[in-house]
């Protein structure tokens, strides 16, 4: 494993961000590939036996699938 990848994997970004903030950052950075990136992060966290991180990344994935806040009763306008 390359050093840069190892540092990236150990950065624990999820310790510093709320899930909603992570949704926005990853959607901006990865666009349509954000879901795949988040699932990869959840998978790697599972391989590291880090359940807390897995739950965080799955919550981010859920936010990517439904970006509208749950308490907002109005649907997004059709494009």
Protein backbone atom coordinates (compact mmCIF):
# COMPACT_ATOMS: atom_id res chain seq x y z
CA UNK A 1 0.00 0.00 0.00
CA UNK A 2 1.44 3.36 -0.98
CA UNK A 3 2.22 5.87 1.76
CA UNK A 4 -0.18 8.51 0.41
CA UNK A 5 -3.08 6.03 0.32
CA UNK A 6 -2.27 4.84 3.84
CA UNK A 7 -2.24 8.43 5.14
CA UNK A 8 -5.51 9.17 3.35
CA UNK A 9 -7.11 6.08 4.83
CA UNK A 10 -5.91 6.93 8.33
CA UNK A 11 -6.92 10.62 8.13
CA UNK A 12 -10.20 9.93 9.97
CA UNK A 13 -12.03 12.66 8.08
CA UNK A 14 -15.23 11.34 9.60
CA UNK A 15 -14.05 12.49 13.05
CA UNK A 16 -14.06 16.13 11.92
CA UNK A 17 -17.23 16.35 9.82
CA UNK A 18 -20.93 15.92 10.35
CA UNK A 19 -22.55 13.51 7.89
CA UNK A 20 -24.44 16.34 6.15
CA UNK A 21 -21.21 18.27 5.59
CA UNK A 22 -19.52 15.15 4.26
CA UNK A 23 -22.39 14.67 1.80
CA UNK A 24 -21.83 18.15 0.38
CA UNK A 25 -18.03 17.83 0.23
CA UNK A 26 -18.05 14.41 -1.41
CA UNK A 27 -20.79 15.35 -3.88
CA UNK A 28 -18.77 18.42 -4.91
CA UNK A 29 -15.50 16.47 -5.19
CA UNK A 30 -16.70 13.22 -6.77
CA UNK A 31 -19.93 14.19 -8.53
CA UNK A 32 -21.77 11.10 -9.77
CA UNK A 33 -19.03 8.88 -8.32
CA UNK A 34 -19.59 10.09 -4.75
CA UNK A 35 -21.75 7.09 -3.83
CA UNK A 36 -19.08 4.64 -4.95
CA UNK A 37 -16.40 6.56 -3.03
CA UNK A 38 -18.49 6.53 0.15
CA UNK A 39 -19.25 2.81 -0.16
CA UNK A 40 -15.53 2.14 -0.64
CA UNK A 41 -14.78 4.10 2.53
CA UNK A 42 -17.45 2.12 4.40
CA UNK A 43 -15.97 -1.14 3.09
CA UNK A 44 -12.45 -0.18 4.16
CA UNK A 45 -13.71 0.85 7.59
CA UNK A 46 -15.40 -2.55 7.90
CA UNK A 47 -12.13 -4.27 6.95
CA UNK A 48 -10.47 -2.23 9.72
CA UNK A 49 -13.20 -3.43 12.16
CA UNK A 50 -14.26 0.17 12.78
CA UNK A 51 -18.03 -0.02 13.21
CA UNK A 52 -18.39 3.65 14.13
CA UNK A 53 -16.78 4.72 10.86
CA UNK A 54 -18.89 2.23 8.88
CA UNK A 55 -22.07 3.70 10.36
CA UNK A 56 -20.89 7.22 9.56
CA UNK A 57 -20.10 6.43 5.91
CA UNK A 58 -23.39 4.58 5.44
CA UNK A 59 -25.21 7.61 6.87
CA UNK A 60 -23.33 9.77 4.33
CA UNK A 61 -24.36 7.34 1.57
CA UNK A 62 -27.97 7.62 2.70
CA UNK A 63 -27.62 11.41 2.51
CA UNK A 64 -26.31 11.18 -1.04
CA UNK A 65 -29.32 9.09 -2.05
CA UNK A 66 -31.81 11.48 -0.45
CA UNK A 67 -30.15 14.92 -0.27
CA UNK A 68 -33.39 16.62 0.87
CA UNK A 69 -33.56 17.00 4.67
CA UNK A 70 -36.13 14.72 6.31
CA UNK A 71 -37.91 17.62 8.04
CA UNK A 72 -38.46 19.56 4.78
CA UNK A 73 -42.04 18.77 3.69
CA UNK A 74 -41.69 20.42 0.26
CA UNK A 75 -40.27 18.37 -2.62
CA UNK A 76 -37.50 19.79 -4.77
CA UNK A 77 -38.74 21.61 -7.89
CA UNK A 78 -38.59 19.52 -11.06
CA UNK A 79 -35.71 20.46 -13.31
